[in-house]
Protein backbone atom coordinates (compact mmCIF):
# COMPACT_ATOMS: atom_id res chain seq x y z
CA UNK A 1 -51.33 -26.01 -6.98
CA UNK A 2 -53.65 -25.79 -3.99
CA UNK A 3 -53.13 -22.76 -1.67
CA UNK A 4 -51.34 -23.71 1.68
CA UNK A 5 -53.94 -22.99 4.35
CA UNK A 6 -53.10 -20.88 7.33
CA UNK A 7 -51.43 -22.06 10.28
CA UNK A 8 -50.09 -25.38 8.62
CA UNK A 9 -46.68 -26.71 9.16
CA UNK A 10 -45.85 -25.76 5.71
CA UNK A 11 -46.63 -22.12 6.07
CA UNK A 12 -44.95 -21.98 9.59
CA UNK A 13 -41.88 -23.41 7.67
CA UNK A 14 -42.04 -20.56 5.24
CA UNK A 15 -42.64 -17.95 8.10
CA UNK A 16 -39.49 -19.26 9.95
CA UNK A 17 -37.43 -19.29 6.96
CA UNK A 18 -38.50 -15.87 5.97
CA UNK A 19 -37.68 -14.49 9.67
CA UNK A 20 -34.36 -16.41 9.60
CA UNK A 21 -33.38 -14.81 6.12
CA UNK A 22 -34.29 -11.51 7.70
CA UNK A 23 -32.23 -11.88 10.68
CA UNK A 24 -29.32 -12.98 8.49
CA UNK A 25 -29.72 -10.02 6.30
CA UNK A 26 -29.92 -7.95 9.42
CA UNK A 27 -26.80 -9.50 10.91
CA UNK A 28 -24.83 -9.11 7.59
CA UNK A 29 -25.98 -5.26 7.61
CA UNK A 30 -24.65 -4.88 11.25
CA UNK A 31 -21.22 -6.71 10.49
CA UNK A 32 -20.85 -4.51 7.59
CA UNK A 33 -21.47 -1.41 9.36
CA UNK A 34 -18.94 -2.60 12.09
CA UNK A 35 -16.34 -3.55 9.55
CA UNK A 36 -16.76 0.02 8.03
CA UNK A 37 -16.38 1.59 11.33
CA UNK A 38 -13.33 -0.43 12.02
CA UNK A 39 -11.74 0.48 8.91
CA UNK A 40 -12.28 4.20 9.51
CA UNK A 41 -11.08 4.02 13.04
CA UNK A 42 -8.06 2.23 11.81
CA UNK A 43 -7.48 4.82 9.19
CA UNK A 44 -7.92 7.57 11.42
CA UNK A 45 -5.34 5.89 14.05
CA UNK A 46 -2.86 5.59 11.28
CA UNK A 47 -3.14 8.96 9.97
CA UNK A 48 -2.64 10.11 13.73
CA UNK A 49 0.35 7.77 13.95
CA UNK A 50 1.98 8.89 10.84
CA UNK A 51 1.30 12.80 11.89
CA UNK A 52 2.98 11.85 15.50
CA UNK A 53 5.98 10.39 13.44
CA UNK A 54 6.35 13.51 11.31
CA UNK A 55 6.41 15.52 14.50
CA UNK A 56 9.00 13.22 15.89
CA UNK A 57 6.72 12.15 18.63
CA UNK A 58 7.84 8.49 18.16
CA UNK A 59 6.59 6.95 21.30
CA UNK A 60 2.84 8.24 20.31
CA UNK A 61 3.49 6.87 16.75
CA UNK A 62 4.67 3.28 17.96
CA UNK A 63 1.78 3.28 20.54
CA UNK A 64 -0.74 4.35 17.65
CA UNK A 65 0.63 2.16 14.71
CA UNK A 66 1.77 -1.02 16.48
CA UNK A 67 -1.73 -2.41 17.26
CA UNK A 68 -2.61 -1.68 13.52
CA UNK A 69 0.52 -3.51 12.43
CA UNK A 70 -0.36 -6.50 14.65
CA UNK A 71 -3.70 -6.76 12.86
CA UNK A 72 -2.00 -6.74 9.39
CA UNK A 73 -2.38 -3.15 8.22
CA UNK A 74 0.36 -2.98 5.56
CA UNK A 75 1.47 0.56 6.04
CA UNK A 76 1.51 0.03 9.88
CA UNK A 77 3.62 -2.95 9.05
CA UNK A 78 6.31 -1.14 7.02
CA UNK A 79 6.39 1.97 9.79
CA UNK A 80 6.99 -0.54 12.56
CA UNK A 81 10.12 -1.69 10.28
CA UNK A 82 10.98 1.87 10.15
CA UNK A 83 10.72 2.23 13.85
CA UNK A 84 13.07 -0.89 14.72
CA UNK A 85 15.36 0.17 11.92
CA UNK A 86 16.29 3.61 13.28
CA UNK A 87 15.32 3.12 16.85
CA UNK A 88 12.23 5.48 16.71
CA UNK A 89 10.20 4.80 19.90
CA UNK A 90 11.65 1.41 20.23
CA UNK A 91 15.14 0.05 20.79
CA UNK A 92 17.03 -0.20 17.51
CA UNK A 93 16.87 -3.77 16.37
CA UNK A 94 17.59 -4.22 12.58
CA UNK A 95 16.59 -7.99 12.53
CA UNK A 96 13.17 -7.10 13.97
CA UNK A 97 12.97 -4.17 11.36
CA UNK A 98 13.40 -6.96 8.55
CA UNK A 99 10.65 -9.00 10.21
CA UNK A 100 8.31 -6.33 9.84
CA UNK A 101 9.60 -5.28 6.41
CA UNK A 102 9.16 -8.73 5.24
CA UNK A 103 5.57 -9.08 6.37
CA UNK A 104 4.58 -5.76 4.62
CA UNK A 105 6.54 -6.66 1.45
CA UNK A 106 4.75 -9.98 1.51
CA UNK A 107 1.25 -8.47 1.70
CA UNK A 108 2.13 -5.88 -0.95
CA UNK A 109 3.35 -8.53 -3.29
CA UNK A 110 -0.14 -10.21 -2.77
CA UNK A 111 -2.02 -7.52 -3.66
CA UNK A 112 0.47 -6.65 -6.65
CA UNK A 113 -0.04 -10.00 -8.13
CA UNK A 114 -3.72 -9.35 -7.85
CA UNK A 115 -3.27 -6.38 -10.23
CA UNK A 116 -3.09 -3.62 -7.72
CA UNK A 117 -0.90 -0.88 -9.28
CA UNK A 118 -0.36 0.95 -5.95
CA UNK A 119 0.94 -2.24 -4.41
CA UNK A 120 3.04 -2.88 -7.51
CA UNK A 121 4.82 0.47 -6.81
CA UNK A 122 5.33 -0.37 -3.28
CA UNK A 123 6.82 -3.74 -3.94
CA UNK A 124 9.34 -1.92 -6.46
CA UNK A 125 10.30 0.44 -3.78
CA UNK A 126 11.17 -2.16 -1.34
CA UNK A 127 13.11 -4.04 -4.05
CA UNK A 128 15.01 -0.99 -5.05
CA UNK A 129 15.69 -0.22 -1.27
CA UNK A 130 16.38 -3.67 -0.29
CA UNK A 131 14.16 -3.47 2.76
CA UNK A 132 13.19 -7.04 3.84
CA UNK A 133 14.23 -8.42 0.63
CA UNK A 134 17.40 -8.61 -1.55
CA UNK A 135 17.79 -5.61 -3.67
CA UNK A 136 16.60 -6.07 -7.26
CA UNK A 137 16.44 -3.19 -9.38
CA UNK A 138 15.74 -5.05 -12.45
CA UNK A 139 12.50 -6.91 -10.89
CA UNK A 140 11.36 -3.60 -9.63
CA UNK A 141 11.48 -1.88 -12.88
CA UNK A 142 9.20 -4.82 -14.42
CA UNK A 143 6.75 -4.28 -11.57
CA UNK A 144 6.84 -0.60 -12.57
CA UNK A 145 6.18 -1.32 -16.04
CA UNK A 146 3.30 -3.33 -15.08
CA UNK A 147 1.59 -0.41 -13.14
CA UNK A 148 2.51 1.96 -15.73
CA UNK A 149 0.78 -0.27 -18.20
CA UNK A 150 -2.09 -0.14 -16.03
CA UNK A 151 -2.06 4.03 -16.15
CA UNK A 152 -0.78 4.49 -12.79
CA UNK A 153 1.25 7.95 -12.89
CA UNK A 154 3.47 7.00 -9.91
CA UNK A 155 4.76 4.14 -11.91
CA UNK A 156 5.72 6.17 -14.67
CA UNK A 157 7.51 8.56 -12.13
CA UNK A 158 9.48 5.87 -10.30
CA UNK A 159 10.46 4.19 -13.61
CA UNK A 160 11.62 7.63 -14.94
CA UNK A 161 13.96 7.71 -11.88
CA UNK A 162 15.50 4.49 -12.62
CA UNK A 163 16.20 5.39 -16.31
CA UNK A 164 17.76 8.42 -14.99
CA UNK A 165 19.82 6.65 -12.73
CA UNK A 166 20.59 3.48 -14.97
CA UNK A 167 19.15 1.34 -12.13
CA UNK A 168 17.60 -2.03 -13.66
CA UNK A 169 17.40 -0.68 -16.89
CA UNK A 170 19.88 0.95 -19.24
CA UNK A 171 20.67 4.58 -18.31
CA UNK A 172 18.46 6.82 -20.72
CA UNK A 173 18.12 10.30 -19.23
CA UNK A 174 15.82 11.37 -22.05
CA UNK A 175 13.43 8.55 -21.42
CA UNK A 176 13.68 8.97 -17.78
CA UNK A 177 12.54 12.78 -18.36
CA UNK A 178 9.76 11.73 -20.89
CA UNK A 179 8.45 9.35 -18.11
CA UNK A 180 8.67 12.01 -15.40
CA UNK A 181 6.84 14.55 -17.61
CA UNK A 182 4.25 12.20 -18.19
CA UNK A 183 3.77 11.49 -14.66
CA UNK A 184 3.79 14.94 -13.64
CA UNK A 185 1.36 15.87 -16.41
CA UNK A 186 -0.88 13.22 -14.87
CA UNK A 187 -0.68 14.87 -11.32
CA UNK A 188 2.24 13.11 -9.73
CA UNK A 189 3.90 15.55 -7.38
CA UNK A 190 6.71 12.98 -6.65
CA UNK A 191 7.45 13.29 -10.79
CA UNK A 192 7.25 17.13 -10.55
CA UNK A 193 9.75 17.22 -7.84
CA UNK A 194 12.15 14.71 -9.32
CA UNK A 195 11.97 16.94 -12.63
CA UNK A 196 13.02 19.90 -10.63
CA UNK A 197 15.95 18.02 -8.94
CA UNK A 198 16.92 16.68 -12.43
CA UNK A 199 16.97 20.21 -13.76
CA UNK A 200 19.25 21.29 -11.30
CA UNK A 201 21.75 18.34 -11.96
CA UNK A 202 24.96 19.48 -13.87
CA UNK A 203 26.03 16.59 -16.37
CA UNK A 204 29.74 16.57 -16.82
CA UNK A 205 30.83 18.11 -19.80
CA UNK A 206 31.98 16.03 -22.79
CA UNK A 207 35.22 16.68 -24.52
């Protein structure tokens, strides 16, 4: 192939394409940086909102969390459901609470179906509480099994709790305790707390 002479249309086309690609790469880099900053800022605002909630500063909690919920942040959506359910920082409005809970459930369910074990546990939690959806302990247990099969300790903890209570699964305290110990050994604080509570329970004496 003959070399392309300088300043020919072909060379200028190559130069323009190179400049265009460079600009696209720069734009993509800038957009990625902005997205990362936005996520970090959102995470900070959510943490601040949760901290305000824990301090019972509900007005501040709503002010920080509501914009995030409107943007589709799942945790924020769940918190908005809680605010409306109990009248924290807003007028108590159970129907509006259900709207927010349904939004959170839908987003978590999408992530769960995509294979996210943390989302599976969140879906199970909403199914056992009946927030935004009809209560379904059996379906919750299935989600927890799936998350447990992926090695997620919190799933073992929650499934262990279902076995202890006989919710959605046949009651089997021994199996529940086994799962709780497994989760606790893997670092689940909740499992450790549940084991401590279980040890204090007094089972009726059998005669």
